[in-house]
N, C-alpha and C. Protein backbone atom coordinates (compact mmCIF):
# COMPACT_ATOMS: atom_id res chain seq x y z
N GLN A 1 5.40 89.75 1.62
CA GLN A 1 4.32 89.60 0.67
C GLN A 1 4.43 88.30 -0.11
N ARG A 2 5.67 87.93 -0.43
CA ARG A 2 5.89 86.69 -1.17
C ARG A 2 5.43 85.48 -0.34
N ILE A 3 5.77 85.50 0.95
CA ILE A 3 5.37 84.39 1.83
C ILE A 3 3.86 84.31 1.93
N LEU A 4 3.20 85.46 2.02
CA LEU A 4 1.73 85.47 2.10
C LEU A 4 1.12 84.91 0.82
N ARG A 5 1.68 85.27 -0.34
CA ARG A 5 1.18 84.73 -1.61
C ARG A 5 1.36 83.22 -1.66
N LEU A 6 2.55 82.76 -1.22
CA LEU A 6 2.80 81.31 -1.21
C LEU A 6 1.85 80.61 -0.26
N ALA A 7 1.57 81.23 0.88
CA ALA A 7 0.64 80.63 1.84
C ALA A 7 -0.75 80.50 1.23
N GLU A 8 -1.17 81.51 0.49
CA GLU A 8 -2.48 81.44 -0.18
C GLU A 8 -2.50 80.32 -1.22
N MET A 9 -1.40 80.17 -1.95
CA MET A 9 -1.34 79.10 -2.96
C MET A 9 -1.36 77.73 -2.28
N CYS A 10 -0.67 77.62 -1.16
CA CYS A 10 -0.61 76.34 -0.46
C CYS A 10 -1.95 76.00 0.20
N ARG A 11 -2.74 76.98 0.47
CA ARG A 11 -4.05 76.74 1.11
C ARG A 11 -4.87 75.76 0.27
N ARG A 12 -4.74 75.85 -1.05
CA ARG A 12 -5.49 74.95 -1.93
C ARG A 12 -5.02 73.51 -1.81
N LEU A 13 -3.79 73.29 -1.37
CA LEU A 13 -3.23 71.95 -1.28
C LEU A 13 -3.46 71.30 0.08
N GLU A 14 -4.08 72.01 1.00
CA GLU A 14 -4.31 71.46 2.33
C GLU A 14 -5.33 70.33 2.28
N THR A 15 -5.17 69.40 3.20
CA THR A 15 -6.15 68.33 3.31
C THR A 15 -7.39 68.87 4.02
N GLU A 16 -8.47 68.12 3.94
CA GLU A 16 -9.69 68.55 4.62
C GLU A 16 -9.47 68.68 6.12
N GLU A 17 -8.70 67.75 6.70
CA GLU A 17 -8.44 67.80 8.14
C GLU A 17 -7.69 69.08 8.51
N GLU A 18 -6.74 69.48 7.68
CA GLU A 18 -5.99 70.70 7.96
C GLU A 18 -6.87 71.94 7.84
N LYS A 19 -7.82 71.90 6.92
CA LYS A 19 -8.71 73.05 6.77
C LYS A 19 -9.66 73.18 7.95
N VAL A 20 -10.12 72.05 8.46
CA VAL A 20 -11.07 72.07 9.57
C VAL A 20 -10.36 72.32 10.89
N LEU A 21 -9.29 71.59 11.14
CA LEU A 21 -8.55 71.71 12.40
C LEU A 21 -7.07 71.82 12.06
N PRO A 22 -6.61 73.02 11.64
CA PRO A 22 -5.25 73.14 11.16
C PRO A 22 -4.17 73.02 12.22
N PHE A 23 -4.49 73.29 13.48
CA PHE A 23 -3.46 73.30 14.51
C PHE A 23 -3.94 72.55 15.74
N TYR A 24 -2.99 72.22 16.57
CA TYR A 24 -3.32 71.59 17.83
C TYR A 24 -4.01 72.62 18.72
N PRO A 25 -4.82 72.18 19.67
CA PRO A 25 -5.52 73.13 20.53
C PRO A 25 -4.56 73.95 21.38
N SER A 26 -5.00 75.12 21.75
CA SER A 26 -4.16 76.02 22.54
C SER A 26 -3.99 75.47 23.94
N SER A 27 -2.79 75.69 24.49
CA SER A 27 -2.52 75.25 25.85
C SER A 27 -2.83 76.36 26.86
N LEU A 28 -3.31 77.48 26.35
CA LEU A 28 -3.65 78.59 27.24
C LEU A 28 -5.00 78.37 27.89
N ALA A 29 -5.12 78.86 29.11
CA ALA A 29 -6.41 78.82 29.79
C ALA A 29 -7.34 79.82 29.11
N GLU A 30 -8.64 79.69 29.36
CA GLU A 30 -9.62 80.57 28.71
C GLU A 30 -9.33 82.04 29.01
N TRP A 31 -9.04 82.36 30.27
CA TRP A 31 -8.78 83.76 30.63
C TRP A 31 -7.50 84.28 29.98
N GLU A 32 -6.52 83.39 29.76
CA GLU A 32 -5.29 83.80 29.07
C GLU A 32 -5.57 84.08 27.59
N GLN A 33 -6.43 83.27 27.00
CA GLN A 33 -6.80 83.50 25.60
C GLN A 33 -7.55 84.82 25.45
N GLN A 34 -8.45 85.12 26.40
CA GLN A 34 -9.18 86.38 26.35
C GLN A 34 -8.24 87.57 26.50
N ASN A 35 -7.27 87.46 27.42
CA ASN A 35 -6.28 88.53 27.59
C ASN A 35 -5.47 88.72 26.31
N ALA A 36 -5.08 87.63 25.68
CA ALA A 36 -4.29 87.71 24.45
C ALA A 36 -5.11 88.37 23.34
N ARG A 37 -6.39 88.00 23.22
CA ARG A 37 -7.26 88.63 22.20
C ARG A 37 -7.40 90.12 22.47
N ARG A 38 -7.57 90.48 23.74
CA ARG A 38 -7.74 91.88 24.10
C ARG A 38 -6.48 92.68 23.74
N VAL A 39 -5.32 92.14 24.05
CA VAL A 39 -4.07 92.83 23.74
C VAL A 39 -3.90 92.98 22.23
N LEU A 40 -4.27 91.96 21.47
CA LEU A 40 -4.14 92.03 20.02
C LEU A 40 -5.09 93.06 19.41
N GLU A 41 -6.23 93.28 20.04
CA GLU A 41 -7.21 94.23 19.51
C GLU A 41 -6.85 95.67 19.84
N GLU A 42 -6.00 95.89 20.84
CA GLU A 42 -5.60 97.25 21.22
C GLU A 42 -4.74 97.86 20.13
N THR A 43 -4.84 99.18 20.00
CA THR A 43 -3.99 99.89 19.05
C THR A 43 -2.61 100.03 19.67
N PRO A 44 -1.58 99.64 18.94
CA PRO A 44 -0.23 99.70 19.51
C PRO A 44 0.21 101.15 19.72
N SER A 45 0.94 101.38 20.81
CA SER A 45 1.41 102.73 21.12
C SER A 45 2.93 102.84 21.01
N GLU A 46 3.63 101.74 21.11
CA GLU A 46 5.08 101.76 21.03
C GLU A 46 5.53 101.52 19.59
N PRO A 47 6.68 102.05 19.20
CA PRO A 47 7.15 101.89 17.81
C PRO A 47 7.34 100.43 17.41
N LEU A 48 7.89 99.63 18.31
CA LEU A 48 8.11 98.23 17.98
C LEU A 48 6.78 97.51 17.78
N ALA A 49 5.82 97.82 18.64
CA ALA A 49 4.49 97.20 18.51
C ALA A 49 3.83 97.60 17.21
N GLU A 50 4.03 98.85 16.80
CA GLU A 50 3.46 99.31 15.52
C GLU A 50 4.12 98.56 14.36
N ALA A 51 5.43 98.35 14.44
CA ALA A 51 6.13 97.62 13.38
C ALA A 51 5.66 96.17 13.33
N MET A 52 5.36 95.59 14.48
CA MET A 52 4.91 94.20 14.53
C MET A 52 3.54 94.01 13.87
N GLN A 53 2.75 95.07 13.81
CA GLN A 53 1.43 94.97 13.17
C GLN A 53 1.57 94.57 11.71
N ASP A 54 2.70 94.93 11.09
CA ASP A 54 2.91 94.56 9.69
C ASP A 54 3.07 93.05 9.52
N TYR A 55 3.43 92.37 10.60
CA TYR A 55 3.72 90.94 10.51
C TYR A 55 2.63 90.06 11.11
N VAL A 56 1.50 90.64 11.45
CA VAL A 56 0.41 89.85 12.03
C VAL A 56 -0.07 88.79 11.04
N GLY A 57 -0.01 89.11 9.76
CA GLY A 57 -0.42 88.16 8.74
C GLY A 57 0.45 86.93 8.68
N LEU A 58 1.65 87.01 9.22
CA LEU A 58 2.57 85.88 9.20
C LEU A 58 2.34 84.92 10.36
N GLU A 59 1.44 85.27 11.26
CA GLU A 59 1.21 84.41 12.43
C GLU A 59 0.80 83.00 12.01
N ARG A 60 -0.10 82.91 11.07
CA ARG A 60 -0.54 81.59 10.60
C ARG A 60 0.62 80.81 9.97
N PHE A 61 1.46 81.53 9.22
CA PHE A 61 2.63 80.88 8.63
C PHE A 61 3.53 80.31 9.71
N TRP A 62 3.81 81.10 10.74
CA TRP A 62 4.70 80.63 11.80
C TRP A 62 4.08 79.48 12.59
N GLN A 63 2.78 79.49 12.74
CA GLN A 63 2.12 78.36 13.41
C GLN A 63 2.33 77.09 12.60
N ARG A 64 2.12 77.19 11.32
CA ARG A 64 2.31 76.02 10.45
C ARG A 64 3.77 75.58 10.43
N PHE A 65 4.66 76.54 10.35
CA PHE A 65 6.09 76.24 10.33
C PHE A 65 6.49 75.52 11.61
N ASN A 66 6.05 76.04 12.75
CA ASN A 66 6.39 75.42 14.03
C ASN A 66 5.79 74.02 14.14
N LYS A 67 4.56 73.86 13.66
CA LYS A 67 3.93 72.54 13.70
C LYS A 67 4.72 71.56 12.84
N ALA A 68 5.14 71.99 11.67
CA ALA A 68 5.92 71.12 10.80
C ALA A 68 7.25 70.75 11.44
N LYS A 69 7.90 71.71 12.10
CA LYS A 69 9.17 71.43 12.78
C LYS A 69 8.96 70.43 13.92
N LEU A 70 7.88 70.59 14.68
CA LEU A 70 7.60 69.65 15.76
C LEU A 70 7.36 68.24 15.22
N GLU A 71 6.61 68.15 14.13
CA GLU A 71 6.36 66.84 13.53
C GLU A 71 7.65 66.24 12.99
N GLU A 72 8.49 67.07 12.40
CA GLU A 72 9.77 66.59 11.88
C GLU A 72 10.63 66.04 13.02
N ARG A 73 10.68 66.74 14.13
CA ARG A 73 11.46 66.30 15.29
C ARG A 73 10.90 64.99 15.85
N ALA A 74 9.58 64.89 15.92
CA ALA A 74 8.96 63.66 16.42
C ALA A 74 9.29 62.49 15.50
N LEU A 75 9.28 62.71 14.20
CA LEU A 75 9.62 61.65 13.25
C LEU A 75 11.09 61.25 13.36
N GLU A 76 11.96 62.23 13.59
CA GLU A 76 13.38 61.91 13.78
C GLU A 76 13.57 61.03 15.02
N GLN A 77 12.87 61.36 16.09
CA GLN A 77 12.99 60.56 17.31
C GLN A 77 12.43 59.16 17.10
N ALA A 78 11.31 59.07 16.38
CA ALA A 78 10.73 57.75 16.10
C ALA A 78 11.68 56.93 15.23
N ARG A 79 12.31 57.58 14.26
CA ARG A 79 13.26 56.89 13.39
C ARG A 79 14.46 56.38 14.19
N ALA A 80 14.96 57.21 15.10
CA ALA A 80 16.09 56.80 15.94
C ALA A 80 15.70 55.62 16.82
N ALA A 81 14.49 55.65 17.37
CA ALA A 81 14.03 54.54 18.20
C ALA A 81 13.92 53.26 17.38
N LEU A 82 13.42 53.37 16.15
CA LEU A 82 13.31 52.20 15.29
C LEU A 82 14.69 51.68 14.89
N ALA A 83 15.64 52.58 14.66
CA ALA A 83 17.01 52.16 14.32
C ALA A 83 17.62 51.40 15.50
N ASN A 84 17.39 51.90 16.72
CA ASN A 84 17.90 51.19 17.90
C ASN A 84 17.26 49.81 18.03
N ARG A 85 15.97 49.74 17.81
CA ARG A 85 15.25 48.47 17.89
C ARG A 85 15.78 47.50 16.83
N ASN A 86 16.04 48.03 15.64
CA ASN A 86 16.57 47.21 14.56
C ASN A 86 17.95 46.66 14.94
N GLN A 87 18.79 47.49 15.53
CA GLN A 87 20.11 47.02 15.98
C GLN A 87 19.98 45.91 17.02
N ASP A 88 19.07 46.10 17.97
CA ASP A 88 18.85 45.09 19.01
C ASP A 88 18.42 43.76 18.39
N LEU A 89 17.49 43.84 17.43
CA LEU A 89 17.01 42.62 16.79
C LEU A 89 18.12 41.94 15.98
N ARG A 90 18.94 42.73 15.31
CA ARG A 90 20.06 42.15 14.56
C ARG A 90 21.05 41.46 15.50
N ARG A 91 21.32 42.08 16.64
CA ARG A 91 22.23 41.49 17.62
C ARG A 91 21.67 40.18 18.15
N LEU A 92 20.38 40.16 18.44
CA LEU A 92 19.74 38.92 18.91
C LEU A 92 19.80 37.83 17.84
N LEU A 93 19.58 38.21 16.59
CA LEU A 93 19.64 37.26 15.49
C LEU A 93 21.04 36.69 15.34
N GLN A 94 22.05 37.55 15.45
CA GLN A 94 23.44 37.07 15.36
C GLN A 94 23.74 36.11 16.51
N GLN A 95 23.28 36.43 17.71
CA GLN A 95 23.52 35.53 18.84
C GLN A 95 22.82 34.19 18.61
N TYR A 96 21.62 34.23 18.09
CA TYR A 96 20.88 33.00 17.82
C TYR A 96 21.61 32.16 16.78
N LEU A 97 22.03 32.81 15.69
CA LEU A 97 22.74 32.08 14.63
C LEU A 97 24.07 31.55 15.12
N ALA A 98 24.78 32.32 15.95
CA ALA A 98 26.05 31.83 16.51
C ALA A 98 25.79 30.62 17.40
N GLY A 99 24.74 30.65 18.19
CA GLY A 99 24.38 29.52 19.05
C GLY A 99 24.00 28.30 18.23
N ALA A 100 23.30 28.51 17.13
CA ALA A 100 22.90 27.39 16.27
C ALA A 100 24.13 26.76 15.61
N ALA A 101 25.09 27.58 15.20
CA ALA A 101 26.31 27.07 14.56
C ALA A 101 27.14 26.27 15.57
N VAL A 102 27.21 26.73 16.80
CA VAL A 102 27.96 26.01 17.83
C VAL A 102 27.30 24.68 18.14
N SER A 103 25.99 24.67 18.20
CA SER A 103 25.29 23.43 18.53
C SER A 103 25.44 22.39 17.42
N GLN A 104 25.65 22.82 16.18
CA GLN A 104 25.86 21.87 15.08
C GLN A 104 27.25 21.26 15.16
N LYS A 105 28.23 22.01 15.70
CA LYS A 105 29.60 21.50 15.80
C LYS A 105 29.76 20.52 16.96
N VAL A 106 28.96 20.63 17.97
CA VAL A 106 29.06 19.74 19.13
C VAL A 106 28.56 18.36 18.71
N PRO A 107 29.36 17.33 18.94
CA PRO A 107 28.92 15.99 18.52
C PRO A 107 27.73 15.54 19.36
N ARG A 108 26.84 14.82 18.71
CA ARG A 108 25.63 14.38 19.38
C ARG A 108 25.92 13.20 20.32
N ASP A 109 26.80 12.29 19.90
CA ASP A 109 27.13 11.13 20.71
C ASP A 109 28.44 11.39 21.44
N PRO A 110 28.53 10.98 22.69
CA PRO A 110 29.79 11.16 23.41
C PRO A 110 30.88 10.26 22.79
N PRO A 111 32.13 10.70 22.85
CA PRO A 111 33.21 9.90 22.24
C PRO A 111 33.40 8.59 23.02
N PRO A 112 33.77 7.53 22.35
CA PRO A 112 33.95 6.25 23.04
C PRO A 112 35.14 6.32 23.99
N VAL A 113 35.04 5.63 25.10
CA VAL A 113 36.08 5.64 26.13
C VAL A 113 37.07 4.54 25.91
């Protein structure tokens, strides 16, 4: 109940885009979506299925939670890629600066014979 109350409070903080299209499109085929809707509309007959009916309200929460986790993982991967790129650029810069320092030490005129 606490999570549902918090979800209702957070609904006010959603952006317009989240309100209109809160989740990515389903990867299920149309017939799979129809089968899933049909199963959800059936009255549960098993004890576990009856207990799960109490948690149907949390489905939206879990969708949001999973979406946030996926975005977090994608950002971590992007950050790691940027860190690698930054290391590569630093290494190239060090090589360039080392080459520039060496070229300054090399005399421009050959020594007299």
